[in-house]
Amino acid sequence: MDATEDTTQDTHQDTHQDTTRADLDAVLAAAHAAARPLARTAPGERADALEAVARALEGARADLVALAAEETHLPQARLEGELTRTVFQARLFAAGLRDGSLLPTRVDHADPDWGMGPRPDLRRTVVPIGPVLVFAASNFPFAFSVFGGDSVSALAAGCPVVVKAHPGHPRLSLATARQVTAALAAVGLPEGAFALIEGVEASKTALTDRRVRAAGFTGSVHGGRALFDLAVSRPDPIPFHGELGSVNPVVVTPAAWAERGADVATGWVGSLTLGAGQFCTNPGVVLVPDVDAFTSAVELPVPGPMLHPGIVEGFGAATSDLGSQPGVRTAVEGAAGPDGVAAQVFAVSAADVVANPHLLELEAFGPAGLVVGYSGEDELRDVLDVLPGQLTGTVQAGADDPLAAEVAALLAEHVGRVVWNDWPTGVTVSAAQQHGGPWPATTTPTTTSVGTAAITRWQRPVAFQGFPATALPDELKDRTP
């Protein structure tokens, strides 16, 4: 998702100071101390806390948006919308805590006639997993950063959160963390429930510290895999929920091309270059029945400035690699933007992709895409069969299109969200959302990092057997209708 997060080096700015070992130890000690009292808070108390942070961020909106615009070069309208999404997300989780939907329970009453023999009374609930380390992303400085989906869902679960700030917006990270910390303290959450750290070495040390019980990451495949390996090679391995890379393929069926080919090409370019191509869901690959006709319909915009020089450098390396692959040619190139980055579209045949599936792993984080031409249904299936794991897959279908349903089924074997006659760059926050997928899209394909189901990453199931009602957790007690 964010090609700049690396585990070996950091991008320092004048205001950026790495967390010292002593300060890190104090942060982790406080998180550890907060874990038990935070786990024993009622869902309503955690809802109050999330709503308090939402109010604080709204109250500081003008200052936070101005700071974000200065550090990330993103337009004000985009940042305003993203902050609105962040506040909404916190309130949505609070609502789920209040109505009980985020605390799943199962009750099996004792049954002497159970088929395998008498069954005891069993009641299943979930408990917080413990302190969570969150690696913030640069491309969504609110929604996937200090108080993004990982932090919100972990706090909703009752887990202390330690956020590793992204060096792309250090002052915004500090300003946001101050708002979060003050709001949580004001509603009585224990000290240590939330903290911010900075620096790669500090984050690697935290990841291997036994007081950290799980981690969430949004970034590159390279950086995410290195951190994942650290997490699972600990003497006590922990869950590492990483969102990594995705080219988000789009399949244009022959029927869709015949009915509205030019509109599909225009829609693809708009989604591909949205945010200068710096979204995890930009559709970087499109499969079409006529490459030449499709690329002739492509008009590339001038991209806005990239988030920071590290992404510019990474984009250049990725497009150079993509353009040098066998059978790949540059089909369309636009005018350069303010930092010298130009949108680019490459083209290749389906046969070359099947011969070199590595092409489908080359995510150019920025405004670049690959058009793959297929000559028939069999060739299309062959390409989809070598598709690595993805966050999304899109079907552009015709009005009466029997092939489209099969394409959707084939995509579902490889992706977390299948989109029909739309574009993947809109990711709403809701109960049914799935933002994840098989490797290399994520390290844990059974989870999501967007939507209320994201809370399950930080909850651990526990069953209580044969307990009297007075000793049961409140949510497991029998209720009178």
Protein backbone atom coordinates (compact mmCIF):
# COMPACT_ATOMS: atom_id res chain seq x y z
CA MET A 1 0.00 0.00 0.00
CA ASP A 2 2.71 2.45 0.94
CA ALA A 3 5.97 1.74 -0.83
CA THR A 4 8.06 3.93 1.47
CA GLU A 5 7.92 2.07 4.77
CA ASP A 6 11.20 0.22 5.22
CA THR A 7 12.76 -1.60 8.15
CA THR A 8 16.34 -0.53 7.55
CA GLN A 9 16.19 3.20 7.10
CA ASP A 10 13.93 6.14 7.82
CA THR A 11 13.28 9.51 6.23
CA HIS A 12 14.23 12.06 8.88
CA GLN A 13 12.92 15.59 8.95
CA ASP A 14 14.01 18.44 11.19
CA THR A 15 11.20 17.83 13.70
CA HIS A 16 11.60 14.05 13.72
CA GLN A 17 13.43 12.44 16.64
CA ASP A 18 13.66 8.71 17.17
CA THR A 19 12.31 7.38 20.45
CA THR A 20 15.13 6.51 22.81
CA ARG A 21 15.46 3.05 24.33
CA ALA A 22 14.63 4.43 27.77
CA ASP A 23 11.53 6.24 26.53
CA LEU A 24 10.42 3.17 24.61
CA ASP A 25 10.73 1.02 27.71
CA ALA A 26 8.58 3.51 29.61
CA VAL A 27 5.94 3.44 26.87
CA LEU A 28 5.83 -0.36 26.80
CA ALA A 29 5.74 -0.58 30.59
CA ALA A 30 2.78 1.81 30.66
CA ALA A 31 0.97 -0.15 27.92
CA HIS A 32 1.55 -3.38 29.82
CA ALA A 33 0.27 -1.84 33.04
CA ALA A 34 -2.80 -0.48 31.25
CA ALA A 35 -3.73 -3.78 29.60
CA ARG A 36 -5.61 -5.34 32.51
CA PRO A 37 -7.65 -2.30 33.61
CA LEU A 38 -8.43 -1.43 29.97
CA ALA A 39 -9.56 -5.00 29.27
CA ARG A 40 -11.97 -4.75 32.21
CA THR A 41 -13.64 -1.56 31.01
CA ALA A 42 -17.24 -1.92 29.91
CA PRO A 43 -18.00 -1.64 26.18
CA GLY A 44 -19.86 1.59 26.89
CA GLU A 45 -16.78 3.09 28.51
CA ARG A 46 -14.70 2.31 25.45
CA ALA A 47 -17.46 3.78 23.27
CA ASP A 48 -17.29 6.96 25.36
CA ALA A 49 -13.53 7.07 24.77
CA LEU A 50 -13.81 6.69 21.00
CA GLU A 51 -16.48 9.36 20.84
CA ALA A 52 -14.33 11.68 22.96
CA VAL A 53 -11.44 11.33 20.51
CA ALA A 54 -13.82 11.94 17.59
CA ARG A 55 -14.96 15.20 19.20
CA ALA A 56 -11.38 16.24 19.87
CA LEU A 57 -10.32 15.65 16.28
CA GLU A 58 -13.33 17.56 15.01
CA GLY A 59 -12.49 20.42 17.33
CA ALA A 60 -8.93 20.54 16.02
CA ARG A 61 -9.96 20.01 12.39
CA ALA A 62 -8.68 23.31 10.99
CA ASP A 63 -5.24 23.00 12.55
CA LEU A 64 -4.85 19.30 11.75
CA VAL A 65 -5.89 19.65 8.11
CA ALA A 66 -3.57 22.63 7.60
CA LEU A 67 -0.67 20.69 9.09
CA ALA A 68 -1.47 17.61 7.00
CA ALA A 69 -1.58 19.67 3.81
CA GLU A 70 1.79 21.21 4.60
CA GLU A 71 3.49 17.88 5.28
CA THR A 72 1.84 15.59 2.69
CA HIS A 73 1.06 17.98 -0.21
CA LEU A 74 -2.44 16.47 -0.40
CA PRO A 75 -5.26 18.88 -1.31
CA GLN A 76 -7.40 20.32 1.45
CA ALA A 77 -10.64 18.80 0.14
CA ARG A 78 -9.14 15.32 0.18
CA LEU A 79 -7.83 15.79 3.72
CA GLU A 80 -11.13 17.20 4.96
CA GLY A 81 -12.92 14.14 3.60
CA GLU A 82 -10.38 11.80 5.11
CA LEU A 83 -10.68 13.37 8.54
CA THR A 84 -14.47 13.09 8.27
CA ARG A 85 -14.05 9.39 7.48
CA THR A 86 -11.73 8.96 10.48
CA VAL A 87 -14.19 10.59 12.87
CA PHE A 88 -17.09 8.59 11.40
CA GLN A 89 -15.11 5.38 11.81
CA ALA A 90 -14.54 6.02 15.51
CA ARG A 91 -18.22 6.71 16.04
CA LEU A 92 -19.22 3.60 14.08
CA PHE A 93 -17.09 1.41 16.35
CA ALA A 94 -18.57 3.18 19.38
CA ALA A 95 -22.07 2.36 18.13
CA GLY A 96 -21.07 -1.28 17.67
CA LEU A 97 -19.80 -1.43 21.23
CA ARG A 98 -23.05 0.01 22.53
CA ASP A 99 -25.34 -2.36 20.60
CA GLY A 100 -23.24 -5.44 21.35
CA SER A 101 -22.42 -6.33 17.73
CA LEU A 102 -18.66 -6.05 18.37
CA LEU A 103 -18.73 -8.50 21.28
CA PRO A 104 -19.84 -11.84 19.77
CA THR A 105 -21.01 -14.51 22.19
CA ARG A 106 -22.19 -18.12 21.87
CA VAL A 107 -24.09 -20.04 24.54
CA ASP A 108 -24.62 -23.83 24.65
CA HIS A 109 -26.70 -24.75 27.68
CA ALA A 110 -26.05 -28.04 29.40
CA ASP A 111 -27.66 -30.96 27.54
CA PRO A 112 -27.67 -34.47 29.08
CA ASP A 113 -28.95 -35.91 25.79
CA TRP A 114 -26.23 -34.45 23.54
CA GLY A 115 -25.38 -36.88 20.73
CA MET A 116 -21.80 -37.64 21.81
CA GLY A 117 -22.67 -37.78 25.50
CA PRO A 118 -23.80 -35.25 28.12
CA ARG A 119 -22.73 -31.71 27.28
CA PRO A 120 -21.70 -29.24 29.97
CA ASP A 121 -22.82 -25.63 29.95
CA LEU A 122 -20.43 -23.78 27.58
CA ARG A 123 -20.35 -20.07 26.91
CA ARG A 124 -17.93 -18.41 24.49
CA THR A 125 -16.88 -14.76 24.41
CA VAL A 126 -13.82 -12.75 23.39
CA VAL A 127 -11.18 -10.94 25.39
CA PRO A 128 -8.61 -8.31 24.31
CA ILE A 129 -5.36 -9.80 23.02
CA GLY A 130 -3.18 -7.22 24.79
CA PRO A 131 -1.01 -4.25 23.79
CA VAL A 132 -1.00 -3.67 20.02
CA LEU A 133 1.79 -2.07 17.98
CA VAL A 134 0.46 -0.13 14.98
CA PHE A 135 2.66 0.93 12.05
CA ALA A 136 1.13 4.06 10.51
CA ALA A 137 1.00 4.64 6.74
CA SER A 138 1.92 7.80 4.87
CA ASN A 139 -0.67 7.89 2.10
CA PHE A 140 -3.68 8.29 4.42
CA PRO A 141 -2.37 10.63 7.13
CA PHE A 142 -5.63 10.39 9.10
CA ALA A 143 -7.50 7.19 8.15
CA PHE A 144 -4.49 4.84 8.22
CA SER A 145 -2.21 6.72 10.55
CA VAL A 146 -2.15 7.63 14.24
CA PHE A 147 -5.89 7.23 14.87
CA GLY A 148 -6.68 5.13 11.83
CA GLY A 149 -8.53 1.86 11.55
CA ASP A 150 -5.93 -0.23 13.37
CA SER A 151 -5.81 2.09 16.38
CA VAL A 152 -9.57 2.56 16.57
CA SER A 153 -10.39 -1.14 16.30
CA ALA A 154 -7.71 -2.10 18.84
CA LEU A 155 -8.96 0.45 21.38
CA ALA A 156 -12.52 -0.71 20.74
CA ALA A 157 -11.38 -4.24 21.59
CA GLY A 158 -9.88 -3.00 24.86
CA CYS A 159 -6.22 -3.16 23.84
CA PRO A 160 -3.60 -0.50 24.64
CA VAL A 161 -2.15 0.96 21.44
CA VAL A 162 1.41 2.00 20.65
CA VAL A 163 1.66 3.74 17.25
CA LYS A 164 4.88 3.94 15.27
CA ALA A 165 4.59 7.30 13.50
CA HIS A 166 5.29 7.47 9.78
CA PRO A 167 8.18 9.84 9.00
CA GLY A 168 6.24 11.31 6.09
CA HIS A 169 4.13 13.43 8.45
CA PRO A 170 5.85 13.60 11.86
CA ARG A 171 4.38 16.89 13.09
CA LEU A 172 0.85 15.82 12.18
CA SER A 173 1.46 12.52 13.97
CA LEU A 174 2.51 14.31 17.15
CA ALA A 175 -0.40 16.75 16.97
CA THR A 176 -2.92 13.95 16.43
CA ALA A 177 -1.43 11.85 19.24
CA ARG A 178 -1.75 14.77 21.65
CA GLN A 179 -5.46 15.06 20.85
CA VAL A 180 -5.99 11.32 21.27
CA THR A 181 -4.05 11.06 24.54
CA ALA A 182 -5.79 14.04 26.11
CA ALA A 183 -9.25 12.83 25.09
CA LEU A 184 -8.67 9.32 26.46
CA ALA A 185 -7.35 10.70 29.75
CA ALA A 186 -10.34 13.02 30.07
CA VAL A 187 -12.77 10.09 30.06
CA GLY A 188 -10.72 8.10 32.54
CA LEU A 189 -8.95 5.51 30.46
CA PRO A 190 -5.79 4.27 32.18
CA GLU A 191 -2.47 5.95 31.50
CA GLY A 192 -0.65 3.94 28.86
CA ALA A 193 -3.78 3.19 26.83
CA PHE A 194 -2.26 5.10 23.90
CA ALA A 195 1.23 6.29 22.97
CA LEU A 196 3.31 7.35 19.97
CA ILE A 197 6.85 6.24 19.16
CA GLU A 198 9.17 7.22 16.30
CA GLY A 199 11.97 5.51 14.42
CA VAL A 200 12.56 2.17 12.75
CA GLU A 201 14.85 0.75 15.43
CA ALA A 202 12.40 1.66 18.18
CA SER A 203 9.58 -0.05 16.30
CA LYS A 204 11.63 -3.21 15.68
CA THR A 205 12.55 -3.33 19.34
CA ALA A 206 8.91 -2.91 20.32
CA LEU A 207 7.82 -5.62 17.88
CA THR A 208 10.11 -8.14 19.56
CA ASP A 209 9.26 -7.09 23.13
CA ARG A 210 7.13 -9.66 24.93
CA ARG A 211 4.84 -6.91 26.28
CA VAL A 212 3.52 -6.36 22.73
CA ARG A 213 0.94 -9.03 21.88
CA ALA A 214 -0.04 -8.19 18.27
CA ALA A 215 0.83 -5.78 15.47
CA GLY A 216 -0.84 -4.05 12.55
CA PHE A 217 1.05 -2.77 9.53
CA THR A 218 0.24 -0.91 6.32
CA GLY A 219 3.09 -0.53 3.87
CA SER A 220 5.26 -2.27 1.31
CA VAL A 221 5.74 -5.98 0.72
CA HIS A 222 9.46 -5.68 1.46
CA GLY A 223 9.06 -3.83 4.75
CA GLY A 224 5.99 -5.79 5.81
CA ARG A 225 7.61 -9.16 5.20
CA ALA A 226 10.69 -8.20 7.22
CA LEU A 227 8.52 -7.15 10.15
CA PHE A 228 6.29 -10.21 9.80
CA ASP A 229 9.37 -12.43 10.01
CA LEU A 230 10.42 -10.64 13.21
CA ALA A 231 6.98 -11.09 14.73
CA VAL A 232 6.73 -14.81 14.04
CA SER A 233 10.35 -15.62 14.89
CA ARG A 234 10.02 -14.33 18.45
CA PRO A 235 10.33 -16.94 21.22
CA ASP A 236 6.62 -16.17 21.67
CA PRO A 237 5.30 -15.51 18.12
CA ILE A 238 2.51 -12.94 17.84
CA PRO A 239 -0.12 -12.17 15.19
CA PHE A 240 1.14 -9.69 12.61
CA HIS A 241 -1.67 -8.25 10.51
CA GLY A 242 0.05 -6.64 7.53
CA GLU A 243 -1.54 -4.98 4.51
CA LEU A 244 1.18 -5.03 1.86
CA GLY A 245 0.89 -4.92 -1.96
CA SER A 246 -1.89 -5.18 -4.53
CA VAL A 247 -2.33 -4.36 -8.23
CA ASN A 248 -6.15 -4.72 -8.01
CA PRO A 249 -6.88 -6.21 -11.47
CA VAL A 250 -9.82 -5.16 -13.60
CA VAL A 251 -11.32 -7.52 -16.17
CA VAL A 252 -13.15 -5.89 -19.08
CA THR A 253 -15.28 -8.54 -20.78
CA PRO A 254 -15.83 -8.46 -24.56
CA ALA A 255 -19.48 -7.53 -23.94
CA ALA A 256 -18.53 -4.58 -21.73
CA TRP A 257 -15.96 -3.42 -24.26
CA ALA A 258 -18.48 -3.57 -27.10
CA GLU A 259 -21.14 -1.69 -25.14
CA ARG A 260 -19.12 1.07 -23.43
CA GLY A 261 -15.42 0.65 -24.11
CA ALA A 262 -14.50 4.34 -24.12
CA ASP A 263 -16.31 4.94 -20.83
CA VAL A 264 -14.53 1.98 -19.24
CA ALA A 265 -11.14 3.31 -20.37
CA THR A 266 -11.94 6.75 -18.95
CA GLY A 267 -13.16 5.26 -15.67
CA TRP A 268 -10.06 3.12 -15.33
CA VAL A 269 -7.74 6.10 -15.83
CA GLY A 270 -9.66 8.09 -13.23
CA SER A 271 -9.40 5.31 -10.66
CA LEU A 272 -5.79 4.49 -11.57
CA THR A 273 -4.56 8.06 -11.14
CA LEU A 274 -6.77 9.06 -8.19
CA GLY A 275 -4.57 10.59 -5.53
CA ALA A 276 -1.63 10.41 -7.95
CA GLY A 277 -1.98 6.63 -7.79
CA GLN A 278 -1.07 6.53 -4.09
CA PHE A 279 -4.01 4.43 -2.90
CA CYS A 280 -3.73 0.75 -1.97
CA THR A 281 -6.74 0.11 -4.21
CA ASN A 282 -5.70 1.89 -7.42
CA PRO A 283 -6.38 -0.61 -10.25
CA GLY A 284 -2.86 -1.14 -11.60
CA VAL A 285 -3.73 -3.91 -14.07
CA VAL A 286 -6.58 -4.08 -16.59
CA LEU A 287 -7.31 -7.07 -18.84
CA VAL A 288 -8.95 -6.13 -22.14
CA PRO A 289 -9.89 -7.88 -25.39
CA ASP A 290 -8.31 -5.15 -27.57
CA VAL A 291 -5.14 -3.51 -26.27
CA ASP A 292 -4.61 -1.04 -29.10
CA ALA A 293 -8.18 0.23 -29.03
CA PHE A 294 -8.14 0.50 -25.27
CA THR A 295 -4.87 2.42 -25.04
CA SER A 296 -5.94 4.75 -27.84
CA ALA A 297 -8.89 5.75 -25.66
CA VAL A 298 -6.63 6.55 -22.71
CA GLU A 299 -5.94 10.20 -21.82
CA LEU A 300 -3.61 10.62 -18.87
CA PRO A 301 -3.86 13.61 -16.52
CA VAL A 302 -0.93 15.48 -15.04
CA PRO A 303 -0.48 13.97 -11.56
CA GLY A 304 -0.35 16.10 -8.48
CA PRO A 305 2.70 16.10 -6.21
CA MET A 306 3.67 12.83 -4.57
CA LEU A 307 3.64 12.50 -0.80
CA HIS A 308 7.40 12.75 -0.39
CA PRO A 309 10.66 12.09 -2.27
CA GLY A 310 10.86 8.49 -1.14
CA ILE A 311 7.70 7.65 -3.08
CA VAL A 312 9.00 9.50 -6.16
CA GLU A 313 12.16 7.42 -6.03
CA GLY A 314 10.25 4.18 -5.48
CA PHE A 315 7.87 4.95 -8.33
CA GLY A 316 10.75 5.54 -10.72
CA ALA A 317 12.39 2.26 -9.79
CA ALA A 318 9.11 0.33 -10.09
CA THR A 319 8.18 1.73 -13.52
CA SER A 320 11.70 1.10 -14.78
CA ASP A 321 11.46 -2.51 -13.64
CA LEU A 322 8.01 -2.93 -15.16
CA GLY A 323 9.01 -1.40 -18.48
CA SER A 324 12.06 -3.66 -18.78
CA GLN A 325 10.11 -6.92 -18.45
CA PRO A 326 9.90 -9.19 -21.53
CA GLY A 327 7.05 -8.24 -23.84
CA VAL A 328 6.17 -5.02 -21.99
CA ARG A 329 6.05 -1.76 -23.95
CA THR A 330 5.19 1.81 -23.06
CA ALA A 331 1.79 2.52 -24.60
CA VAL A 332 0.90 5.98 -23.25
CA GLU A 333 2.84 8.56 -21.25
CA GLY A 334 1.45 11.80 -19.90
CA ALA A 335 3.01 15.12 -19.00
CA ALA A 336 5.11 15.38 -15.86
CA GLY A 337 3.75 16.89 -12.68
CA PRO A 338 5.45 19.34 -10.30
CA ASP A 339 7.91 16.76 -8.96
CA GLY A 340 8.77 15.28 -12.36
CA VAL A 341 6.43 12.29 -12.14
CA ALA A 342 4.42 11.46 -15.26
CA ALA A 343 1.50 9.05 -15.51
CA GLN A 344 2.34 5.99 -17.61
CA VAL A 345 0.48 3.09 -19.16
CA PHE A 346 2.30 -0.05 -20.25
CA ALA A 347 0.95 -2.84 -22.44
CA VAL A 348 1.65 -6.58 -22.69
CA SER A 349 0.01 -9.72 -24.05
CA ALA A 350 -1.69 -12.33 -21.90
CA ALA A 351 0.76 -14.93 -23.19
CA ASP A 352 3.69 -12.89 -21.87
CA VAL A 353 2.00 -12.57 -18.48
CA VAL A 354 1.38 -16.32 -18.24
CA ALA A 355 5.03 -16.90 -19.16
CA ASN A 356 6.14 -14.32 -16.56
CA PRO A 357 3.55 -14.12 -13.74
CA HIS A 358 5.98 -11.85 -11.84
CA LEU A 359 4.44 -9.03 -13.89
CA LEU A 360 1.34 -9.25 -11.71
CA GLU A 361 3.43 -8.69 -8.58
CA LEU A 362 5.01 -5.42 -9.76
CA GLU A 363 3.06 -2.69 -7.98
CA ALA A 364 4.11 0.75 -9.16
CA PHE A 365 2.92 2.88 -6.24
CA GLY A 366 1.89 5.92 -8.23
CA PRO A 367 0.09 6.80 -11.50
CA ALA A 368 1.12 3.81 -13.64
CA GLY A 369 -0.85 0.88 -14.98
CA LEU A 370 -0.47 -2.24 -17.11
CA VAL A 371 -2.91 -3.16 -19.89
CA VAL A 372 -3.01 -6.89 -20.61
CA GLY A 373 -4.52 -8.00 -23.90
CA TYR A 374 -6.27 -11.40 -24.06
CA SER A 375 -7.47 -13.06 -27.24
CA GLY A 376 -10.17 -15.33 -25.84
CA GLU A 377 -11.79 -16.77 -22.73
CA ASP A 378 -9.17 -19.48 -22.27
CA GLU A 379 -6.34 -16.94 -22.31
CA LEU A 380 -8.22 -14.76 -19.83
CA ARG A 381 -8.64 -17.73 -17.47
CA ASP A 382 -4.94 -18.54 -17.79
CA VAL A 383 -4.00 -15.05 -16.60
CA LEU A 384 -6.42 -15.13 -13.69
CA ASP A 385 -5.07 -18.52 -12.64
CA VAL A 386 -1.58 -17.05 -12.07
CA LEU A 387 -2.87 -13.97 -10.23
CA PRO A 388 -1.28 -13.52 -6.78
CA GLY A 389 -3.39 -12.41 -3.81
CA GLN A 390 -5.05 -9.02 -4.13
CA LEU A 391 -7.13 -6.62 -2.09
CA THR A 392 -9.67 -6.18 -4.89
CA GLY A 393 -10.69 -7.47 -8.29
CA THR A 394 -13.13 -5.69 -10.59
CA VAL A 395 -15.47 -6.99 -13.28
CA GLN A 396 -16.57 -4.59 -15.99
CA ALA A 397 -19.49 -6.51 -17.46
CA GLY A 398 -22.05 -6.12 -20.22
CA ALA A 399 -25.82 -6.03 -19.79
CA ASP A 400 -26.25 -9.69 -20.77
CA ASP A 401 -22.89 -11.22 -20.03
CA PRO A 402 -22.58 -14.91 -19.05
CA LEU A 403 -18.77 -14.65 -18.91
CA ALA A 404 -18.86 -11.99 -16.19
CA ALA A 405 -20.20 -14.28 -13.45
CA GLU A 406 -17.42 -16.79 -14.09
CA VAL A 407 -14.82 -14.01 -14.04
CA ALA A 408 -16.17 -12.85 -10.69
CA ALA A 409 -15.90 -16.39 -9.31
CA LEU A 410 -12.32 -16.70 -10.57
CA LEU A 411 -11.37 -13.34 -9.06
CA ALA A 412 -12.90 -14.35 -5.72
CA GLU A 413 -10.32 -17.14 -5.52
CA HIS A 414 -7.58 -14.51 -5.30
CA VAL A 415 -9.05 -11.28 -3.89
CA GLY A 416 -10.77 -9.97 -0.77
CA ARG A 417 -13.36 -7.75 -2.47
CA VAL A 418 -14.92 -8.23 -5.91
CA VAL A 419 -16.36 -5.09 -7.53
CA TRP A 420 -19.05 -5.16 -10.23
CA ASN A 421 -19.24 -2.34 -12.81
CA ASP A 422 -17.60 0.16 -10.48
CA TRP A 423 -14.06 1.03 -9.39
CA PRO A 424 -12.15 -0.20 -6.34
CA THR A 425 -10.77 3.10 -5.06
CA GLY A 426 -13.82 3.82 -2.91
CA VAL A 427 -13.52 1.81 0.34
CA THR A 428 -16.47 2.48 2.61
CA VAL A 429 -16.30 1.72 6.33
CA SER A 430 -19.11 -0.66 7.28
CA ALA A 431 -19.87 -4.02 8.88
CA ALA A 432 -19.74 -5.94 5.58
CA GLN A 433 -16.51 -4.41 4.27
CA GLN A 434 -13.56 -6.70 3.53
CA HIS A 435 -10.19 -5.05 3.03
CA GLY A 436 -7.71 -7.89 2.88
CA GLY A 437 -6.74 -10.83 0.72
CA PRO A 438 -4.27 -13.67 0.20
CA TRP A 439 -0.51 -13.06 0.18
CA PRO A 440 1.00 -10.67 -0.84
CA ALA A 441 -2.02 -8.44 -0.32
CA THR A 442 -1.93 -9.26 3.39
CA THR A 443 -0.23 -11.55 5.86
CA THR A 444 -3.55 -12.73 7.32
CA PRO A 445 -6.16 -13.30 4.59
CA THR A 446 -8.89 -14.22 7.09
CA THR A 447 -9.07 -10.66 8.45
CA THR A 448 -9.89 -7.13 7.32
CA SER A 449 -8.27 -3.80 8.19
CA VAL A 450 -11.33 -1.73 7.22
CA GLY A 451 -14.82 -2.02 8.67
CA THR A 452 -16.07 -3.09 12.06
CA ALA A 453 -14.88 -6.69 11.54
CA ALA A 454 -11.34 -5.29 11.92
CA ILE A 455 -11.84 -5.59 15.68
CA THR A 456 -11.59 -9.39 15.49
CA ARG A 457 -7.83 -9.10 14.89
CA TRP A 458 -7.41 -7.90 18.45
CA GLN A 459 -9.86 -10.24 20.20
CA ARG A 460 -9.09 -13.74 21.51
CA PRO A 461 -11.89 -16.29 22.09
CA VAL A 462 -12.36 -17.80 25.56
CA ALA A 463 -14.94 -20.41 26.59
CA PHE A 464 -16.34 -20.66 30.15
CA GLN A 465 -17.50 -24.14 31.16
CA GLY A 466 -19.88 -24.94 34.00
CA PHE A 467 -19.75 -21.48 35.60
CA PRO A 468 -22.42 -20.23 37.99
CA ALA A 469 -24.19 -17.11 36.74
CA THR A 470 -22.59 -14.95 39.44
CA ALA A 471 -19.09 -15.78 38.17
CA LEU A 472 -19.74 -15.33 34.44
CA PRO A 473 -18.67 -12.29 32.44
CA ASP A 474 -21.63 -9.97 32.12
CA GLU A 475 -22.15 -10.58 28.40
CA LEU A 476 -22.48 -14.35 28.97
CA LYS A 477 -25.20 -14.22 31.61
CA ASP A 478 -28.67 -15.40 30.64
CA ARG A 479 -31.06 -12.56 29.90
CA THR A 480 -34.77 -12.41 30.56
CA PRO A 481 -36.49 -11.47 27.28
